[in-house]
Amino acid sequence: MSYVGIIISELCSEEKLKKFTYMKTYTALTSEFTTTKTSFMDNVASVFSSIMEEPVSTQQTRCIINAIFALIATIFPAPLPFALRAVAIAWLWTALRKCRKAGLKEE
């Protein structure tokens, strides 16, 4: 067999074709997941837009979600030490500041 035949047979081996197929499938699944993730945030942003009656970007949506979790952590009725309550209050304060910087203001 010639050198070209050996190289072609080596390049087209069954193992390498399987690896290529797996990589192609992995890339397709990854891109589908990324698209789904983006569309999920867009759906949440549209829900917030309909509630607030003004357009809300995905960055503003992330700020709102962060503030919601910070508020829950602050008012959660559990016997927590004062230090953890202080951390939760600081988290809420910074989350609200980020919301304001993102263009969300009270009316």
PDB file of N, CA and C in Angstrom:
ATOM      1  N   MET A   1       0.845  -1.167   0.000  1.00  0.00           N
ATOM      2  CA  MET A   1       0.000   0.000   0.000  1.00  0.00           C
ATOM      3  C   MET A   1       0.894   1.235   0.000  1.00  0.00           C
ATOM      4  N   SER A   2       0.490   2.260  -0.717  1.00  0.00           N
ATOM      5  CA  SER A   2       1.294   3.479  -0.810  1.00  0.00           C
ATOM      6  C   SER A   2       1.130   4.325   0.446  1.00  0.00           C
ATOM      7  N   TYR A   3       1.979   5.322   0.549  1.00  0.00           N
ATOM      8  CA  TYR A   3       1.901   6.218   1.698  1.00  0.00           C
ATOM      9  C   TYR A   3       0.571   6.963   1.745  1.00  0.00           C
ATOM     10  N   VAL A   4       0.073   7.367   0.586  1.00  0.00           N
ATOM     11  CA  VAL A   4      -1.199   8.080   0.516  1.00  0.00           C
ATOM     12  C   VAL A   4      -2.329   7.174   1.007  1.00  0.00           C
ATOM     13  N   GLY A   5      -2.305   5.908   0.623  1.00  0.00           N
ATOM     14  CA  GLY A   5      -3.325   4.962   1.064  1.00  0.00           C
ATOM     15  C   GLY A   5      -3.279   4.751   2.564  1.00  0.00           C
ATOM     16  N   ILE A   6      -2.089   4.700   3.124  1.00  0.00           N
ATOM     17  CA  ILE A   6      -1.947   4.523   4.579  1.00  0.00           C
ATOM     18  C   ILE A   6      -2.467   5.760   5.309  1.00  0.00           C
ATOM     19  N   ILE A   7      -2.140   6.923   4.803  1.00  0.00           N
ATOM     20  CA  ILE A   7      -2.593   8.159   5.441  1.00  0.00           C
ATOM     21  C   ILE A   7      -4.114   8.262   5.374  1.00  0.00           C
ATOM     22  N   ILE A   8      -4.686   7.955   4.232  1.00  0.00           N
ATOM     23  CA  ILE A   8      -6.142   8.024   4.080  1.00  0.00           C
ATOM     24  C   ILE A   8      -6.816   7.000   4.980  1.00  0.00           C
ATOM     25  N   SER A   9      -6.273   5.785   5.032  1.00  0.00           N
ATOM     26  CA  SER A   9      -6.887   4.780   5.894  1.00  0.00           C
ATOM     27  C   SER A   9      -6.748   5.159   7.368  1.00  0.00           C
ATOM     28  N   GLU A  10      -5.652   5.824   7.722  1.00  0.00           N
ATOM     29  CA  GLU A  10      -5.463   6.270   9.105  1.00  0.00           C
ATOM     30  C   GLU A  10      -6.424   7.402   9.445  1.00  0.00           C
ATOM     31  N   LEU A  11      -6.623   8.328   8.524  1.00  0.00           N
ATOM     32  CA  LEU A  11      -7.534   9.443   8.754  1.00  0.00           C
ATOM     33  C   LEU A  11      -8.985   8.993   8.823  1.00  0.00           C
ATOM     34  N   CYS A  12      -9.319   7.952   8.089  1.00  0.00           N
ATOM     35  CA  CYS A  12     -10.700   7.494   8.028  1.00  0.00           C
ATOM     36  C   CYS A  12     -10.935   6.261   8.890  1.00  0.00           C
ATOM     37  N   SER A  13     -10.141   6.079   9.906  1.00  0.00           N
ATOM     38  CA  SER A  13     -10.346   4.917  10.760  1.00  0.00           C
ATOM     39  C   SER A  13     -11.677   5.044  11.490  1.00  0.00           C
ATOM     40  N   GLU A  14     -12.195   3.910  11.912  1.00  0.00           N
ATOM     41  CA  GLU A  14     -13.511   3.870  12.534  1.00  0.00           C
ATOM     42  C   GLU A  14     -13.535   4.632  13.859  1.00  0.00           C
ATOM     43  N   GLU A  15     -12.453   4.540  14.628  1.00  0.00           N
ATOM     44  CA  GLU A  15     -12.403   5.246  15.907  1.00  0.00           C
ATOM     45  C   GLU A  15     -12.455   6.753  15.711  1.00  0.00           C
ATOM     46  N   LYS A  16     -11.716   7.238  14.739  1.00  0.00           N
ATOM     47  CA  LYS A  16     -11.695   8.682  14.501  1.00  0.00           C
ATOM     48  C   LYS A  16     -13.036   9.165  13.982  1.00  0.00           C
ATOM     49  N   LEU A  17     -13.712   8.345  13.183  1.00  0.00           N
ATOM     50  CA  LEU A  17     -15.040   8.729  12.719  1.00  0.00           C
ATOM     51  C   LEU A  17     -16.035   8.772  13.875  1.00  0.00           C
ATOM     52  N   LYS A  18     -15.916   7.829  14.823  1.00  0.00           N
ATOM     53  CA  LYS A  18     -16.781   7.843  15.999  1.00  0.00           C
ATOM     54  C   LYS A  18     -16.531   9.093  16.838  1.00  0.00           C
ATOM     55  N   LYS A  19     -15.246   9.434  17.050  1.00  0.00           N
ATOM     56  CA  LYS A  19     -14.920  10.629  17.823  1.00  0.00           C
ATOM     57  C   LYS A  19     -15.477  11.870  17.137  1.00  0.00           C
ATOM     58  N   PHE A  20     -15.356  11.927  15.811  1.00  0.00           N
ATOM     59  CA  PHE A  20     -15.886  13.069  15.072  1.00  0.00           C
ATOM     60  C   PHE A  20     -17.399  13.146  15.225  1.00  0.00           C
ATOM     61  N   THR A  21     -18.077  12.007  15.150  1.00  0.00           N
ATOM     62  CA  THR A  21     -19.532  11.978  15.305  1.00  0.00           C
ATOM     63  C   THR A  21     -19.928  12.417  16.701  1.00  0.00           C
ATOM     64  N   TYR A  22     -19.197  11.952  17.726  1.00  0.00           N
ATOM     65  CA  TYR A  22     -19.496  12.359  19.094  1.00  0.00           C
ATOM     66  C   TYR A  22     -19.292  13.865  19.276  1.00  0.00           C
ATOM     67  N   MET A  23     -18.198  14.380  18.722  1.00  0.00           N
ATOM     68  CA  MET A  23     -17.935  15.807  18.844  1.00  0.00           C
ATOM     69  C   MET A  23     -19.010  16.629  18.130  1.00  0.00           C
ATOM     70  N   LYS A  24     -19.434  16.153  16.975  1.00  0.00           N
ATOM     71  CA  LYS A  24     -20.473  16.857  16.223  1.00  0.00           C
ATOM     72  C   LYS A  24     -21.781  16.863  17.026  1.00  0.00           C
ATOM     73  N   THR A  25     -22.132  15.732  17.631  1.00  0.00           N
ATOM     74  CA  THR A  25     -23.345  15.644  18.446  1.00  0.00           C
ATOM     75  C   THR A  25     -23.222  16.532  19.679  1.00  0.00           C
ATOM     76  N   TYR A  26     -22.059  16.516  20.337  1.00  0.00           N
ATOM     77  CA  TYR A  26     -21.836  17.344  21.520  1.00  0.00           C
ATOM     78  C   TYR A  26     -21.978  18.826  21.177  1.00  0.00           C
ATOM     79  N   THR A  27     -21.408  19.236  20.036  1.00  0.00           N
ATOM     80  CA  THR A  27     -21.504  20.632  19.618  1.00  0.00           C
ATOM     81  C   THR A  27     -22.946  21.012  19.346  1.00  0.00           C
ATOM     82  N   ALA A  28     -23.703  20.136  18.717  1.00  0.00           N
ATOM     83  CA  ALA A  28     -25.109  20.426  18.434  1.00  0.00           C
ATOM     84  C   ALA A  28     -25.906  20.549  19.727  1.00  0.00           C
ATOM     85  N   LEU A  29     -25.673  19.654  20.674  1.00  0.00           N
ATOM     86  CA  LEU A  29     -26.389  19.716  21.950  1.00  0.00           C
ATOM     87  C   LEU A  29     -26.012  20.962  22.742  1.00  0.00           C
ATOM     88  N   THR A  30     -24.739  21.310  22.723  1.00  0.00           N
ATOM     89  CA  THR A  30     -24.288  22.489  23.453  1.00  0.00           C
ATOM     90  C   THR A  30     -24.901  23.749  22.877  1.00  0.00           C
ATOM     91  N   SER A  31     -24.918  23.869  21.561  1.00  0.00           N
ATOM     92  CA  SER A  31     -25.499  25.066  20.961  1.00  0.00           C
ATOM     93  C   SER A  31     -27.001  25.119  21.208  1.00  0.00           C
ATOM     94  N   GLU A  32     -27.662  23.964  21.233  1.00  0.00           N
ATOM     95  CA  GLU A  32     -29.094  23.936  21.526  1.00  0.00           C
ATOM     96  C   GLU A  32     -29.355  24.373  22.960  1.00  0.00           C
ATOM     97  N   PHE A  33     -28.510  23.933  23.899  1.00  0.00           N
ATOM     98  CA  PHE A  33     -28.660  24.329  25.300  1.00  0.00           C
ATOM     99  C   PHE A  33     -28.461  25.830  25.461  1.00  0.00           C
ATOM    100  N   THR A  34     -27.453  26.386  24.791  1.00  0.00           N
ATOM    101  CA  THR A  34     -27.196  27.819  24.875  1.00  0.00           C
ATOM    102  C   THR A  34     -28.375  28.609  24.322  1.00  0.00           C
ATOM    103  N   THR A  35     -28.939  28.159  23.220  1.00  0.00           N
ATOM    104  CA  THR A  35     -30.099  28.829  22.645  1.00  0.00           C
ATOM    105  C   THR A  35     -31.284  28.747  23.594  1.00  0.00           C
ATOM    106  N   THR A  36     -31.490  27.591  24.212  1.00  0.00           N
ATOM    107  CA  THR A  36     -32.587  27.428  25.153  1.00  0.00           C
ATOM    108  C   THR A  36     -32.401  28.333  26.361  1.00  0.00           C
ATOM    109  N   LYS A  37     -31.168  28.441  26.856  1.00  0.00           N
ATOM    110  CA  LYS A  37     -30.886  29.293  27.996  1.00  0.00           C
ATOM    111  C   LYS A  37     -31.202  30.745  27.664  1.00  0.00           C
ATOM    112  N   THR A  38     -30.791  31.196  26.494  1.00  0.00           N
ATOM    113  CA  THR A  38     -31.062  32.570  26.088  1.00  0.00           C
ATOM    114  C   THR A  38     -32.555  32.802  25.946  1.00  0.00           C
ATOM    115  N   SER A  39     -33.256  31.876  25.329  1.00  0.00           N
ATOM    116  CA  SER A  39     -34.684  32.074  25.140  1.00  0.00           C
ATOM    117  C   SER A  39     -35.424  32.039  26.487  1.00  0.00           C
ATOM    118  N   PHE A  40     -34.938  31.283  27.460  1.00  0.00           N
ATOM    119  CA  PHE A  40     -35.548  31.274  28.788  1.00  0.00           C
ATOM    120  C   PHE A  40     -35.445  32.644  29.430  1.00  0.00           C
ATOM    121  N   MET A  41     -34.258  33.253  29.377  1.00  0.00           N
ATOM    122  CA  MET A  41     -34.095  34.589  29.948  1.00  0.00           C
ATOM    123  C   MET A  41     -34.945  35.604  29.194  1.00  0.00           C
ATOM    124  N   ASP A  42     -35.084  35.420  27.886  1.00  0.00           N
ATOM    125  CA  ASP A  42     -35.950  36.314  27.123  1.00  0.00           C
ATOM    126  C   ASP A  42     -37.406  36.165  27.551  1.00  0.00           C
ATOM    127  N   ASN A  43     -37.810  34.928  27.841  1.00  0.00           N
ATOM    128  CA  ASN A  43     -39.181  34.709  28.313  1.00  0.00           C
ATOM    129  C   ASN A  43     -39.408  35.360  29.676  1.00  0.00           C
ATOM    130  N   VAL A  44     -38.451  35.226  30.568  1.00  0.00           N
ATOM    131  CA  VAL A  44     -38.574  35.849  31.887  1.00  0.00           C
ATOM    132  C   VAL A  44     -38.591  37.375  31.736  1.00  0.00           C
ATOM    133  N   ALA A  45     -37.746  37.886  30.846  1.00  0.00           N
ATOM    134  CA  ALA A  45     -37.723  39.336  30.609  1.00  0.00           C
ATOM    135  C   ALA A  45     -39.062  39.822  30.059  1.00  0.00           C
ATOM    136  N   SER A  46     -39.702  39.025  29.194  1.00  0.00           N
ATOM    137  CA  SER A  46     -40.999  39.439  28.661  1.00  0.00           C
ATOM    138  C   SER A  46     -42.075  39.420  29.747  1.00  0.00           C
ATOM    139  N   VAL A  47     -41.968  38.478  30.691  1.00  0.00           N
ATOM    140  CA  VAL A  47     -42.913  38.458  31.811  1.00  0.00           C
ATOM    141  C   VAL A  47     -42.740  39.716  32.665  1.00  0.00           C
ATOM    142  N   PHE A  48     -41.496  40.059  32.998  1.00  0.00           N
ATOM    143  CA  PHE A  48     -41.251  41.275  33.775  1.00  0.00           C
ATOM    144  C   PHE A  48     -41.674  42.521  32.996  1.00  0.00           C
ATOM    145  N   SER A  49     -41.487  42.498  31.671  1.00  0.00           N
ATOM    146  CA  SER A  49     -41.907  43.631  30.849  1.00  0.00           C
ATOM    147  C   SER A  49     -43.416  43.814  30.904  1.00  0.00           C
ATOM    148  N   SER A  50     -44.145  42.709  30.871  1.00  0.00           N
ATOM    149  CA  SER A  50     -45.601  42.829  30.923  1.00  0.00           C
ATOM    150  C   SER A  50     -46.065  43.285  32.313  1.00  0.00           C
ATOM    151  N   ILE A  51     -45.368  42.886  33.350  1.00  0.00           N
ATOM    152  CA  ILE A  51     -45.734  43.323  34.702  1.00  0.00           C
ATOM    153  C   ILE A  51     -45.414  44.808  34.891  1.00  0.00           C
ATOM    154  N   MET A  52     -44.243  45.221  34.439  1.00  0.00           N
ATOM    155  CA  MET A  52     -43.809  46.602  34.659  1.00  0.00           C
ATOM    156  C   MET A  52     -44.331  47.561  33.589  1.00  0.00           C
ATOM    157  N   GLU A  53     -44.883  47.033  32.517  1.00  0.00           N
ATOM    158  CA  GLU A  53     -45.420  47.812  31.402  1.00  0.00           C
ATOM    159  C   GLU A  53     -44.376  48.713  30.758  1.00  0.00           C
ATOM    160  N   GLU A  54     -43.140  48.215  30.680  1.00  0.00           N
ATOM    161  CA  GLU A  54     -42.055  48.869  29.953  1.00  0.00           C
ATOM    162  C   GLU A  54     -41.044  47.800  29.575  1.00  0.00           C
ATOM    163  N   PRO A  55     -40.271  48.021  28.523  1.00  0.00           N
ATOM    164  CA  PRO A  55     -39.314  46.989  28.106  1.00  0.00           C
ATOM    165  C   PRO A  55     -38.229  46.748  29.157  1.00  0.00           C
ATOM    166  N   VAL A  56     -37.921  45.473  29.364  1.00  0.00           N
ATOM    167  CA  VAL A  56     -36.896  45.072  30.337  1.00  0.00           C
ATOM    168  C   VAL A  56     -35.872  44.210  29.607  1.00  0.00           C
ATOM    169  N   SER A  57     -34.598  44.564  29.739  1.00  0.00           N
ATOM    170  CA  SER A  57     -33.538  43.787  29.090  1.00  0.00           C
ATOM    171  C   SER A  57     -33.195  42.557  29.933  1.00  0.00           C
ATOM    172  N   THR A  58     -32.374  41.683  29.368  1.00  0.00           N
ATOM    173  CA  THR A  58     -31.981  40.487  30.119  1.00  0.00           C
ATOM    174  C   THR A  58     -31.065  40.857  31.296  1.00  0.00           C
ATOM    175  N   GLN A  59     -30.250  41.894  31.142  1.00  0.00           N
ATOM    176  CA  GLN A  59     -29.409  42.337  32.259  1.00  0.00           C
ATOM    177  C   GLN A  59     -30.285  42.849  33.402  1.00  0.00           C
ATOM    178  N   GLN A  60     -31.311  43.607  33.076  1.00  0.00           N
ATOM    179  CA  GLN A  60     -32.220  44.093  34.103  1.00  0.00           C
ATOM    180  C   GLN A  60     -32.982  42.936  34.739  1.00  0.00           C
ATOM    181  N   THR A  61     -33.305  41.911  33.944  1.00  0.00           N
ATOM    182  CA  THR A  61     -33.977  40.727  34.475  1.00  0.00           C
ATOM    183  C   THR A  61     -33.101  40.024  35.500  1.00  0.00           C
ATOM    184  N   ARG A  62     -31.813  39.887  35.190  1.00  0.00           N
ATOM    185  CA  ARG A  62     -30.888  39.266  36.154  1.00  0.00           C
ATOM    186  C   ARG A  62     -30.812  40.083  37.442  1.00  0.00           C
ATOM    187  N   CYS A  63     -30.812  41.407  37.318  1.00  0.00           N
ATOM    188  CA  CYS A  63     -30.789  42.264  38.511  1.00  0.00           C
ATOM    189  C   CYS A  63     -32.048  42.076  39.344  1.00  0.00           C
ATOM    190  N   ILE A  64     -33.195  41.979  38.687  1.00  0.00           N
ATOM    191  CA  ILE A  64     -34.457  41.796  39.410  1.00  0.00           C
ATOM    192  C   ILE A  64     -34.458  40.459  40.145  1.00  0.00           C
ATOM    193  N   ILE A  65     -34.020  39.405  39.463  1.00  0.00           N
ATOM    194  CA  ILE A  65     -33.985  38.076  40.089  1.00  0.00           C
ATOM    195  C   ILE A  65     -33.031  38.067  41.281  1.00  0.00           C
ATOM    196  N   ASN A  66     -31.877  38.718  41.130  1.00  0.00           N
ATOM    197  CA  ASN A  66     -30.918  38.820  42.232  1.00  0.00           C
ATOM    198  C   ASN A  66     -31.546  39.545  43.413  1.00  0.00           C
ATOM    199  N   ALA A  67     -32.268  40.631  43.151  1.00  0.00           N
ATOM    200  CA  ALA A  67     -32.913  41.384  44.228  1.00  0.00           C
ATOM    201  C   ALA A  67     -34.015  40.559  44.899  1.00  0.00           C
ATOM    202  N   ILE A  68     -34.733  39.775  44.124  1.00  0.00           N
ATOM    203  CA  ILE A  68     -35.782  38.924  44.704  1.00  0.00           C
ATOM    204  C   ILE A  68     -35.174  37.905  45.671  1.00  0.00           C
ATOM    205  N   PHE A  69     -34.096  37.246  45.241  1.00  0.00           N
ATOM    206  CA  PHE A  69     -33.445  36.265  46.131  1.00  0.00           C
ATOM    207  C   PHE A  69     -32.853  36.935  47.364  1.00  0.00           C
ATOM    208  N   ALA A  70     -32.291  38.141  47.196  1.00  0.00           N
ATOM    209  CA  ALA A  70     -31.739  38.857  48.340  1.00  0.00           C
ATOM    210  C   ALA A  70     -32.848  39.236  49.320  1.00  0.00           C
ATOM    211  N   LEU A  71     -34.000  39.647  48.800  1.00  0.00           N
ATOM    212  CA  LEU A  71     -35.124  39.985  49.678  1.00  0.00           C
ATOM    213  C   LEU A  71     -35.618  38.754  50.439  1.00  0.00           C
ATOM    214  N   ILE A  72     -35.698  37.633  49.742  1.00  0.00           N
ATOM    215  CA  ILE A  72     -36.120  36.386  50.401  1.00  0.00           C
ATOM    216  C   ILE A  72     -35.130  36.005  51.501  1.00  0.00           C
ATOM    217  N   ALA A  73     -33.844  36.136  51.218  1.00  0.00           N
ATOM    218  CA  ALA A  73     -32.836  35.799  52.231  1.00  0.00           C
ATOM    219  C   ALA A  73     -32.906  36.750  53.416  1.00  0.00           C
ATOM    220  N   THR A  74     -33.301  37.993  53.167  1.00  0.00           N
ATOM    221  CA  THR A  74     -33.370  38.976  54.255  1.00  0.00           C
ATOM    222  C   THR A  74     -34.576  38.745  55.159  1.00  0.00           C
ATOM    223  N   ILE A  75     -35.721  38.434  54.565  1.00  0.00           N
ATOM    224  CA  ILE A  75     -36.937  38.320  55.376  1.00  0.00           C
ATOM    225  C   ILE A  75     -37.308  36.888  55.720  1.00  0.00           C
ATOM    226  N   PHE A  76     -36.475  35.933  55.356  1.00  0.00           N
ATOM    227  CA  PHE A  76     -36.763  34.529  55.634  1.00  0.00           C
ATOM    228  C   PHE A  76     -36.849  34.315  57.144  1.00  0.00           C
ATOM    229  N   PRO A  77     -37.972  33.794  57.619  1.00  0.00           N
ATOM    230  CA  PRO A  77     -38.134  33.659  59.078  1.00  0.00           C
ATOM    231  C   PRO A  77     -37.385  32.439  59.628  1.00  0.00           C
ATOM    232  N   ALA A  78     -36.158  32.637  59.933  1.00  0.00           N
ATOM    233  CA  ALA A  78     -35.356  31.565  60.514  1.00  0.00           C
ATOM    234  C   ALA A  78     -34.485  32.164  61.611  1.00  0.00           C
ATOM    235  N   PRO A  79     -34.207  31.397  62.615  1.00  0.00           N
ATOM    236  CA  PRO A  79     -33.354  31.914  63.704  1.00  0.00           C
ATOM    237  C   PRO A  79     -31.880  31.932  63.266  1.00  0.00           C
ATOM    238  N   LEU A  80     -31.502  32.989  62.581  1.00  0.00           N
ATOM    239  CA  LEU A  80     -30.137  33.121  62.086  1.00  0.00           C
ATOM    240  C   LEU A  80     -29.346  34.066  62.977  1.00  0.00           C
ATOM    241  N   PRO A  81     -28.055  33.880  63.058  1.00  0.00           N
ATOM    242  CA  PRO A  81     -27.222  34.814  63.830  1.00  0.00           C
ATOM    243  C   PRO A  81     -27.253  36.214  63.192  1.00  0.00           C
ATOM    244  N   PHE A  82     -26.907  37.196  63.999  1.00  0.00           N
ATOM    245  CA  PHE A  82     -26.925  38.576  63.530  1.00  0.00           C
ATOM    246  C   PHE A  82     -25.992  38.773  62.342  1.00  0.00           C
ATOM    247  N   ALA A  83     -24.858  38.092  62.325  1.00  0.00           N
ATOM    248  CA  ALA A  83     -23.889  38.257  61.235  1.00  0.00           C
ATOM    249  C   ALA A  83     -24.499  37.833  59.890  1.00  0.00           C
ATOM    250  N   LEU A  84     -25.234  36.716  59.870  1.00  0.00           N
ATOM    251  CA  LEU A  84     -25.861  36.285  58.625  1.00  0.00           C
ATOM    252  C   LEU A  84     -26.971  37.240  58.194  1.00  0.00           C
ATOM    253  N   ARG A  85     -27.701  37.782  59.159  1.00  0.00           N
ATOM    254  CA  ARG A  85     -28.727  38.791  58.828  1.00  0.00           C
ATOM    255  C   ARG A  85     -28.063  40.025  58.224  1.00  0.00           C
ATOM    256  N   ALA A  86     -26.928  40.426  58.770  1.00  0.00           N
ATOM    257  CA  ALA A  86     -26.206  41.586  58.241  1.00  0.00           C
ATOM    258  C   ALA A  86     -25.719  41.321  56.815  1.00  0.00           C
ATOM    259  N   VAL A  87     -25.256  40.115  56.557  1.00  0.00           N
ATOM    260  CA  VAL A  87     -24.818  39.756  55.206  1.00  0.00           C
ATOM    261  C   VAL A  87     -25.998  39.800  54.239  1.00  0.00           C
ATOM    262  N   ALA A  88     -27.149  39.293  54.659  1.00  0.00           N
ATOM    263  CA  ALA A  88     -28.334  39.310  53.800  1.00  0.00           C
ATOM    264  C   ALA A  88     -28.786  40.737  53.516  1.00  0.00           C
ATOM    265  N   ILE A  89     -28.731  41.596  54.513  1.00  0.00           N
ATOM    266  CA  ILE A  89     -29.111  42.998  54.315  1.00  0.00           C
ATOM    267  C   ILE A  89     -28.130  43.682  53.367  1.00  0.00           C
ATOM    268  N   ALA A  90     -26.848  43.393  53.513  1.00  0.00           N
ATOM    269  CA  ALA A  90     -25.852  43.963  52.602  1.00  0.00           C
ATOM    270  C   ALA A  90     -26.066  43.464  51.175  1.00  0.00           C
ATOM    271  N   TRP A  91     -26.407  42.192  51.035  1.00  0.00           N
ATOM    272  CA  TRP A  91     -26.689  41.628  49.721  1.00  0.00           C
ATOM    273  C   TRP A  91     -27.904  42.329  49.099  1.00  0.00           C
ATOM    274  N   LEU A  92     -28.941  42.542  49.884  1.00  0.00           N
ATOM    275  CA  LEU A  92     -30.134  43.235  49.381  1.00  0.00           C
ATOM    276  C   LEU A  92     -29.786  44.658  48.965  1.00  0.00           C
ATOM    277  N   TRP A  93     -28.995  45.330  49.766  1.00  0.00           N
ATOM    278  CA  TRP A  93     -28.611  46.701  49.450  1.00  0.00           C
ATOM    279  C   TRP A  93     -27.824  46.775  48.139  1.00  0.00           C
ATOM    280  N   THR A  94     -26.847  45.874  47.970  1.00  0.00           N
ATOM    281  CA  THR A  94     -26.067  45.884  46.732  1.00  0.00           C
ATOM    282  C   THR A  94     -26.921  45.457  45.530  1.00  0.00           C
ATOM    283  N   ALA A  95     -27.849  44.533  45.725  1.00  0.00           N
ATOM    284  CA  ALA A  95     -28.724  44.107  44.628  1.00  0.00           C
ATOM    285  C   ALA A  95     -29.603  45.264  44.169  1.00  0.00           C
ATOM    286  N   LEU A  96     -30.116  46.038  45.128  1.00  0.00           N
ATOM    287  CA  LEU A  96     -30.946  47.188  44.760  1.00  0.00           C
ATOM    288  C   LEU A  96     -30.131  48.278  44.074  1.00  0.00           C
ATOM    289  N   ARG A  97     -28.895  48.456  44.497  1.00  0.00           N
ATOM    290  CA  ARG A  97     -28.010  49.427  43.815  1.00  0.00           C
ATOM    291  C   ARG A  97     -27.716  48.991  42.391  1.00  0.00           C
ATOM    292  N   LYS A  98     -27.506  47.683  42.183  1.00  0.00           N
ATOM    293  CA  LYS A  98     -27.265  47.180  40.826  1.00  0.00           C
ATOM    294  C   LYS A  98     -28.493  47.366  39.945  1.00  0.00           C
ATOM    295  N   CYS A  99     -29.669  47.195  40.534  1.00  0.00           N
ATOM    296  CA  CYS A  99     -30.905  47.415  39.773  1.00  0.00           C
ATOM    297  C   CYS A  99     -31.003  48.878  39.344  1.00  0.00           C
ATOM    298  N   ARG A 100     -30.656  49.767  40.243  1.00  0.00           N
ATOM    299  CA  ARG A 100     -30.713  51.192  39.908  1.00  0.00           C
ATOM    300  C   ARG A 100     -29.693  51.527  38.825  1.00  0.00           C
ATOM    301  N   LYS A 101     -28.495  50.968  38.910  1.00  0.00           N
ATOM    302  CA  LYS A 101     -27.473  51.211  37.890  1.00  0.00           C
ATOM    303  C   LYS A 101     -27.864  50.626  36.536  1.00  0.00           C
ATOM    304  N   ALA A 102     -28.668  49.553  36.558  1.00  0.00           N
ATOM    305  CA  ALA A 102     -29.117  48.922  35.314  1.00  0.00           C
ATOM    306  C   ALA A 102     -30.259  49.693  34.657  1.00  0.00           C
ATOM    307  N   GLY A 103     -30.746  50.733  35.341  1.00  0.00           N
ATOM    308  CA  GLY A 103     -31.782  51.554  34.744  1.00  0.00           C
ATOM    309  C   GLY A 103     -33.170  51.293  35.299  1.00  0.00           C
ATOM    310  N   LEU A 104     -33.268  50.518  36.347  1.00  0.00           N
ATOM    311  CA  LEU A 104     -34.566  50.260  36.984  1.00  0.00           C
ATOM    312  C   LEU A 104     -34.724  51.233  38.144  1.00  0.00           C
ATOM    313  N   LYS A 105     -35.778  52.046  38.068  1.00  0.00           N
ATOM    314  CA  LYS A 105     -36.020  53.021  39.126  1.00  0.00           C
ATOM    315  C   LYS A 105     -37.466  52.955  39.547  1.00  0.00           C
ATOM    316  N   GLU A 106     -37.702  53.327  40.784  1.00  0.00           N
ATOM    317  CA  GLU A 106     -39.081  53.322  41.277  1.00  0.00           C
ATOM    318  C   GLU A 106     -39.814  54.533  40.738  1.00  0.00           C
ATOM    319  N   GLU A 107     -41.089  54.376  40.583  1.00  0.00           N
ATOM    320  CA  GLU A 107     -41.922  55.488  40.101  1.00  0.00           C
ATOM    321  C   GLU A 107     -43.045  55.757  41.050  1.00  0.00           C
TER     322      GLU A 107
END
